[in-house]
């Protein structure tokens, strides 16, 4: 799909699900636009309020159109009937696309502190053949590949709304993409169109591969990789951490390294006994045959949009562990 292998069980079912989600996104976009247009037509509104409602309606339409322009051809069009639930990438994580490929043009480079901490942990070591779990928009994965001489990087995710657009940018494309915001102080902060593009040279597919695959069951042979990277992954995606650490050890070649970075912020449904702290995580890694070396903890800005100034501050743990 769009040049990206789909290495998931029942790939046609996943494609059909994604087509259904695209239909749902289009339908909801149309309903939201209609509701805002109707509200703006209310005769007693102040002109500034009417203008804001119209601008927000156009911003929502532009954002949905931008997604559909890229995803529609890649998926073979939207399904005739919508599936249940909007896709994760549009609802929660579309900001990664702006952060990785759009906001740097405005001087906002959120990935730079993260890359600096990982570089300190690597201490000049080359990555070799590398697997990145939950790569999303791929900005961090791309910079790790370029800066640390990876011989090959495989970036896996299950979200087409991020990976398909990232694939286009990684190969040298430029993608106009609208950021629509529901958090504003000034009316001018309702939306802005960014040009998603990479400041680095295009990467060939044989050097940097985007792959649709399940990070909890990656379809790769034992001892396939010199380096594994789990950025903002293990707390949100992993339900059985000891088993996952065993999986990491299996994928690594002897002496290979695991680079982790992210907060330990677990979903509400995670039992309290499985919301591991740093010390427990390191003990579990040791029991799995992974020796933790250097580590850091620091506060990072998280998706703080230059459009509105809204976002978060997260306490982020970074470390490197080596397979014994």
Protein backbone atom coordinates (compact mmCIF):
# COMPACT_ATOMS: atom_id res chain seq x y z
CA UNK A 1 0.00 0.00 0.00
CA UNK A 2 1.59 3.27 -1.16
CA UNK A 3 4.86 1.32 -1.41
CA UNK A 4 4.60 0.17 2.23
CA UNK A 5 4.47 -3.59 2.93
CA UNK A 6 1.52 -4.69 5.07
CA UNK A 7 2.98 -7.44 7.27
CA UNK A 8 -0.09 -7.87 9.44
CA UNK A 9 -2.34 -10.91 9.84
CA UNK A 10 -5.21 -10.74 7.30
CA UNK A 11 -3.90 -7.62 5.51
CA UNK A 12 -7.05 -7.24 3.40
CA UNK A 13 -9.12 -6.97 6.56
CA UNK A 14 -6.86 -4.19 7.82
CA UNK A 15 -7.19 -2.34 4.50
CA UNK A 16 -10.96 -2.65 4.66
CA UNK A 17 -10.96 -1.34 8.24
CA UNK A 18 -8.81 1.64 7.20
CA UNK A 19 -11.14 2.37 4.29
CA UNK A 20 -14.09 2.32 6.67
CA UNK A 21 -12.31 4.70 9.02
CA UNK A 22 -11.62 7.07 6.15
CA UNK A 23 -15.33 7.05 5.26
CA UNK A 24 -16.17 7.82 8.89
CA UNK A 25 -13.68 10.69 8.90
CA UNK A 26 -15.16 12.15 5.71
CA UNK A 27 -18.72 11.82 7.01
CA UNK A 28 -17.92 13.44 10.35
CA UNK A 29 -16.06 16.23 8.61
CA UNK A 30 -19.09 16.98 6.47
CA UNK A 31 -21.40 16.98 9.49
CA UNK A 32 -19.07 19.25 11.46
CA UNK A 33 -18.82 21.69 8.54
CA UNK A 34 -22.61 21.72 8.14
CA UNK A 35 -23.13 22.37 11.86
CA UNK A 36 -20.63 25.25 11.89
CA UNK A 37 -22.11 26.73 8.72
CA UNK A 38 -25.62 26.58 10.22
CA UNK A 39 -24.39 28.18 13.44
CA UNK A 40 -22.67 30.97 11.49
CA UNK A 41 -25.95 31.69 9.71
CA UNK A 42 -27.69 32.68 12.93
CA UNK A 43 -28.83 36.26 12.38
CA UNK A 44 -28.10 37.63 15.86
CA UNK A 45 -24.40 36.74 15.86
CA UNK A 46 -21.74 39.40 16.05
CA UNK A 47 -19.72 39.69 12.81
CA UNK A 48 -16.53 38.52 14.55
CA UNK A 49 -18.28 35.41 15.88
CA UNK A 50 -19.72 34.61 12.46
CA UNK A 51 -16.29 35.01 10.88
CA UNK A 52 -14.71 32.70 13.48
CA UNK A 53 -17.31 29.97 12.94
CA UNK A 54 -16.90 30.15 9.19
CA UNK A 55 -13.11 30.04 9.51
CA UNK A 56 -13.30 27.02 11.81
CA UNK A 57 -15.61 25.24 9.37
CA UNK A 58 -13.20 25.84 6.52
CA UNK A 59 -10.28 24.69 8.68
CA UNK A 60 -12.03 21.40 9.50
CA UNK A 61 -12.87 20.88 5.83
CA UNK A 62 -9.30 21.64 4.75
CA UNK A 63 -7.81 19.22 7.28
CA UNK A 64 -10.15 16.39 6.27
CA UNK A 65 -9.54 17.10 2.58
CA UNK A 66 -5.77 17.02 3.14
CA UNK A 67 -5.99 13.61 4.83
CA UNK A 68 -8.29 12.22 2.14
CA UNK A 69 -6.08 13.52 -0.68
CA UNK A 70 -3.18 11.38 0.55
CA UNK A 71 -4.94 8.42 2.15
CA UNK A 72 -7.69 7.97 -0.43
CA UNK A 73 -5.44 6.87 -3.32
CA UNK A 74 -3.21 4.84 -0.97
CA UNK A 75 -6.16 2.87 0.41
CA UNK A 76 -7.97 2.52 -2.89
CA UNK A 77 -10.69 4.97 -1.83
CA UNK A 78 -12.98 5.22 1.16
CA UNK A 79 -15.40 2.42 1.97
CA UNK A 80 -19.08 2.77 1.10
CA UNK A 81 -20.01 2.37 4.78
CA UNK A 82 -18.18 3.78 7.78
CA UNK A 83 -16.54 1.57 10.38
CA UNK A 84 -16.81 2.23 14.09
CA UNK A 85 -14.42 4.62 15.78
CA UNK A 86 -12.18 7.26 14.28
CA UNK A 87 -8.59 6.13 13.68
CA UNK A 88 -6.01 6.79 16.37
CA UNK A 89 -3.77 8.84 14.09
CA UNK A 90 -6.40 11.46 13.28
CA UNK A 91 -7.87 11.75 16.77
CA UNK A 92 -4.79 11.60 18.98
CA UNK A 93 -1.55 11.73 17.07
CA UNK A 94 -1.92 13.80 13.93
CA UNK A 95 0.17 16.42 15.73
CA UNK A 96 3.23 14.19 15.19
CA UNK A 97 3.09 15.01 11.48
CA UNK A 98 3.20 18.74 12.16
CA UNK A 99 5.88 18.36 14.84
CA UNK A 100 8.21 16.21 12.72
CA UNK A 101 7.79 17.81 9.30
CA UNK A 102 5.96 21.16 9.59
CA UNK A 103 6.76 23.01 12.80
CA UNK A 104 10.57 23.01 12.31
CA UNK A 105 10.05 25.61 9.56
CA UNK A 106 8.73 27.93 12.29
CA UNK A 107 11.84 27.31 14.42
CA UNK A 108 10.13 24.73 16.62
CA UNK A 109 12.29 21.59 16.82
CA UNK A 110 10.79 19.46 19.57
CA UNK A 111 12.78 16.36 18.60
CA UNK A 112 16.18 18.00 19.09
CA UNK A 113 16.45 17.53 22.90
CA UNK A 114 15.32 13.91 22.52
CA UNK A 115 17.93 13.27 19.84
CA UNK A 116 20.64 14.93 21.95
CA UNK A 117 19.90 12.62 24.91
CA UNK A 118 19.93 9.52 22.70
CA UNK A 119 23.22 10.65 21.14
CA UNK A 120 24.74 10.98 24.61
CA UNK A 121 23.64 7.43 25.46
CA UNK A 122 25.03 6.06 22.18
CA UNK A 123 28.38 7.78 22.81
CA UNK A 124 29.45 7.63 19.17
CA UNK A 125 28.28 4.07 18.51
CA UNK A 126 26.72 3.34 15.12
CA UNK A 127 23.24 1.87 15.05
CA UNK A 128 23.74 -0.77 12.37
CA UNK A 129 20.54 -2.53 11.32
CA UNK A 130 17.79 -0.87 13.35
CA UNK A 131 14.13 -1.55 14.16
CA UNK A 132 11.95 1.33 15.42
CA UNK A 133 8.72 0.37 17.18
CA UNK A 134 5.68 2.65 16.85
CA UNK A 135 7.57 4.95 14.49
CA UNK A 136 4.50 7.09 13.73
CA UNK A 137 5.44 10.12 11.65
CA UNK A 138 9.07 8.85 11.53
CA UNK A 139 10.84 12.13 12.27
CA UNK A 140 12.82 10.74 15.21
CA UNK A 141 13.54 7.49 13.34
CA UNK A 142 14.81 9.38 10.31
CA UNK A 143 17.17 11.56 12.33
CA UNK A 144 18.54 8.60 14.27
CA UNK A 145 19.17 6.84 10.95
CA UNK A 146 20.98 9.84 9.45
CA UNK A 147 22.96 10.97 12.50
CA UNK A 148 24.10 7.56 13.75
CA UNK A 149 24.98 5.79 10.51
CA UNK A 150 22.32 3.09 10.54
CA UNK A 151 23.03 0.59 7.78
CA UNK A 152 19.29 -0.01 7.44
CA UNK A 153 16.27 1.18 9.43
CA UNK A 154 12.91 -0.57 9.57
CA UNK A 155 10.16 1.70 10.95
CA UNK A 156 6.99 -0.15 11.96
CA UNK A 157 3.54 1.10 12.92
CA UNK A 158 -0.10 0.14 12.42
CA UNK A 159 -1.39 3.65 11.67
CA UNK A 160 -1.78 4.56 7.98
CA UNK A 161 -2.71 8.16 8.83
CA UNK A 162 0.86 8.73 9.98
CA UNK A 163 2.95 6.20 8.08
CA UNK A 164 1.59 6.84 4.56
CA UNK A 165 2.22 10.58 4.83
CA UNK A 166 5.63 10.01 6.45
CA UNK A 167 6.57 7.69 3.58
CA UNK A 168 5.92 10.45 1.07
CA UNK A 169 8.00 12.99 3.02
CA UNK A 170 10.89 10.56 3.57
CA UNK A 171 11.19 10.03 -0.19
CA UNK A 172 11.53 13.77 -0.81
CA UNK A 173 7.90 14.82 -1.22
CA UNK A 174 6.28 18.00 0.10
CA UNK A 175 2.77 17.69 1.54
CA UNK A 176 0.57 20.75 2.26
CA UNK A 177 -1.29 19.90 5.45
CA UNK A 178 -3.73 21.96 7.52
CA UNK A 179 -3.57 22.15 11.30
CA UNK A 180 -7.04 22.92 12.68
CA UNK A 181 -7.26 23.77 16.38
CA UNK A 182 -10.12 23.84 18.87
CA UNK A 183 -7.91 25.65 21.40
CA UNK A 184 -7.36 29.30 20.68
CA UNK A 185 -7.12 32.72 22.25
CA UNK A 186 -6.98 34.78 19.04
CA UNK A 187 -9.25 34.06 16.09
CA UNK A 188 -6.18 33.79 13.83
CA UNK A 189 -5.17 30.62 15.74
CA UNK A 190 -8.05 28.55 14.33
CA UNK A 191 -5.85 27.03 11.61
CA UNK A 192 -2.65 27.17 9.63
CA UNK A 193 -1.42 25.24 6.62
CA UNK A 194 2.05 23.72 6.98
CA UNK A 195 4.24 22.31 4.26
CA UNK A 196 5.35 18.92 5.52
CA UNK A 197 8.86 18.26 4.21
CA UNK A 198 12.24 16.96 5.32
CA UNK A 199 15.35 19.09 5.71
CA UNK A 200 17.46 15.98 5.02
CA UNK A 201 18.10 14.30 1.69
CA UNK A 202 15.53 11.72 0.52
CA UNK A 203 16.08 8.20 1.83
CA UNK A 204 15.98 5.19 -0.46
CA UNK A 205 13.61 2.38 0.47
CA UNK A 206 16.40 -0.16 0.78
CA UNK A 207 18.00 2.07 3.45
CA UNK A 208 14.89 3.16 5.36
CA UNK A 209 11.83 0.94 5.16
CA UNK A 210 8.35 1.83 6.41
CA UNK A 211 6.37 -1.31 7.26
CA UNK A 212 2.88 -1.90 8.62
CA UNK A 213 3.52 -4.43 11.39
CA UNK A 214 2.44 -5.15 14.95
CA UNK A 215 5.09 -4.00 17.39
CA UNK A 216 3.97 -6.66 19.87
CA UNK A 217 4.50 -9.42 17.31
CA UNK A 218 7.05 -8.06 14.80
CA UNK A 219 7.48 -10.46 11.85
CA UNK A 220 11.27 -10.69 11.92
CA UNK A 221 13.73 -13.50 12.53
CA UNK A 222 15.70 -13.98 15.72
CA UNK A 223 18.87 -11.89 16.07
CA UNK A 224 17.93 -9.72 13.06
CA UNK A 225 18.90 -6.32 14.45
CA UNK A 226 21.86 -4.49 15.95
CA UNK A 227 19.64 -1.84 17.55
CA UNK A 228 16.01 -1.59 18.71
CA UNK A 229 14.32 1.73 19.48
CA UNK A 230 11.07 2.07 21.48
CA UNK A 231 10.11 5.78 21.46
CA UNK A 232 7.05 6.50 23.64
CA UNK A 233 5.93 2.89 23.21
CA UNK A 234 6.28 0.46 26.08
CA UNK A 235 3.90 2.12 28.55
CA UNK A 236 1.09 2.71 26.03
CA UNK A 237 1.28 -0.36 23.79
CA UNK A 238 2.75 -3.18 25.90
CA UNK A 239 0.47 -5.14 28.21
CA UNK A 240 2.91 -7.90 29.26
CA UNK A 241 6.24 -6.17 29.80
CA UNK A 242 8.31 -9.24 30.82
CA UNK A 243 7.20 -11.05 27.66
CA UNK A 244 7.95 -7.98 25.54
CA UNK A 245 11.45 -7.68 26.98
CA UNK A 246 12.04 -11.30 26.05
CA UNK A 247 10.91 -10.43 22.52
CA UNK A 248 13.44 -7.59 22.39
CA UNK A 249 16.24 -9.90 23.48
CA UNK A 250 15.22 -12.42 20.82
CA UNK A 251 15.34 -9.82 18.04
CA UNK A 252 18.74 -8.42 19.09
CA UNK A 253 22.05 -9.85 18.00
CA UNK A 254 24.47 -10.62 20.86
CA UNK A 255 25.91 -7.30 22.01
CA UNK A 256 23.09 -5.38 20.33
CA UNK A 257 21.46 -2.44 22.08
CA UNK A 258 17.96 -1.39 23.04
CA UNK A 259 17.31 2.37 23.10
CA UNK A 260 14.24 3.46 25.02
CA UNK A 261 12.78 6.94 25.37
CA UNK A 262 9.44 8.07 26.74
CA UNK A 263 7.39 8.68 29.88
CA UNK A 264 6.02 5.88 32.01
CA UNK A 265 2.41 7.03 31.69
CA UNK A 266 0.16 3.98 31.58
CA UNK A 267 -3.44 3.70 30.31
CA UNK A 268 -6.13 3.79 33.00
CA UNK A 269 -7.04 0.15 32.39
CA UNK A 270 -3.50 -1.00 33.26
CA UNK A 271 -3.50 -2.74 36.67
CA UNK A 272 -1.50 -0.83 39.26
CA UNK A 273 0.90 -3.73 39.76
CA UNK A 274 1.87 -3.46 36.06
CA UNK A 275 2.51 0.28 36.11
CA UNK A 276 6.22 -0.27 36.53
CA UNK A 277 8.57 2.41 37.84
CA UNK A 278 12.09 2.89 36.48
CA UNK A 279 13.72 0.62 39.06
CA UNK A 280 11.28 -2.21 38.32
CA UNK A 281 11.75 -1.75 34.59
CA UNK A 282 15.51 -2.05 34.94
CA UNK A 283 15.16 -5.18 37.07
CA UNK A 284 12.84 -6.77 34.49
CA UNK A 285 15.29 -5.89 31.72
CA UNK A 286 18.11 -7.55 33.65
CA UNK A 287 16.03 -10.68 34.17
CA UNK A 288 15.42 -10.79 30.39
CA UNK A 289 19.15 -10.71 29.64
CA UNK A 290 19.41 -6.98 28.90
CA UNK A 291 21.97 -4.97 30.86
CA UNK A 292 20.96 -1.33 31.36
CA UNK A 293 23.80 1.14 30.93
CA UNK A 294 23.42 4.90 30.96
CA UNK A 295 20.11 6.60 31.58
CA UNK A 296 18.68 10.11 31.91
CA UNK A 297 15.45 11.68 33.07
CA UNK A 298 14.36 15.15 31.98
CA UNK A 299 11.31 17.25 31.13
CA UNK A 300 10.37 17.50 27.46
CA UNK A 301 7.85 19.62 25.65
CA UNK A 302 5.24 17.39 24.03
CA UNK A 303 3.27 18.57 20.97
CA UNK A 304 3.37 22.23 21.98
CA UNK A 305 1.94 23.78 18.83
CA UNK A 306 3.50 27.03 17.60
CA UNK A 307 0.04 27.87 16.23
CA UNK A 308 -1.61 28.15 19.66
CA UNK A 309 1.14 27.55 22.25
CA UNK A 310 -0.89 24.68 23.71
CA UNK A 311 0.64 21.31 24.60
CA UNK A 312 2.19 19.38 27.49
CA UNK A 313 5.34 18.91 29.50
CA UNK A 314 6.28 15.26 30.10
CA UNK A 315 8.94 13.71 32.33
CA UNK A 316 10.86 11.44 29.95
CA UNK A 317 13.09 8.47 30.76
CA UNK A 318 15.84 7.58 28.27
CA UNK A 319 18.24 4.66 28.56
CA UNK A 320 20.30 2.15 26.63
CA UNK A 321 20.46 -1.56 27.41
CA UNK A 322 22.72 -4.20 25.87
CA UNK A 323 21.91 -7.84 25.16
CA UNK A 324 24.21 -10.08 27.14
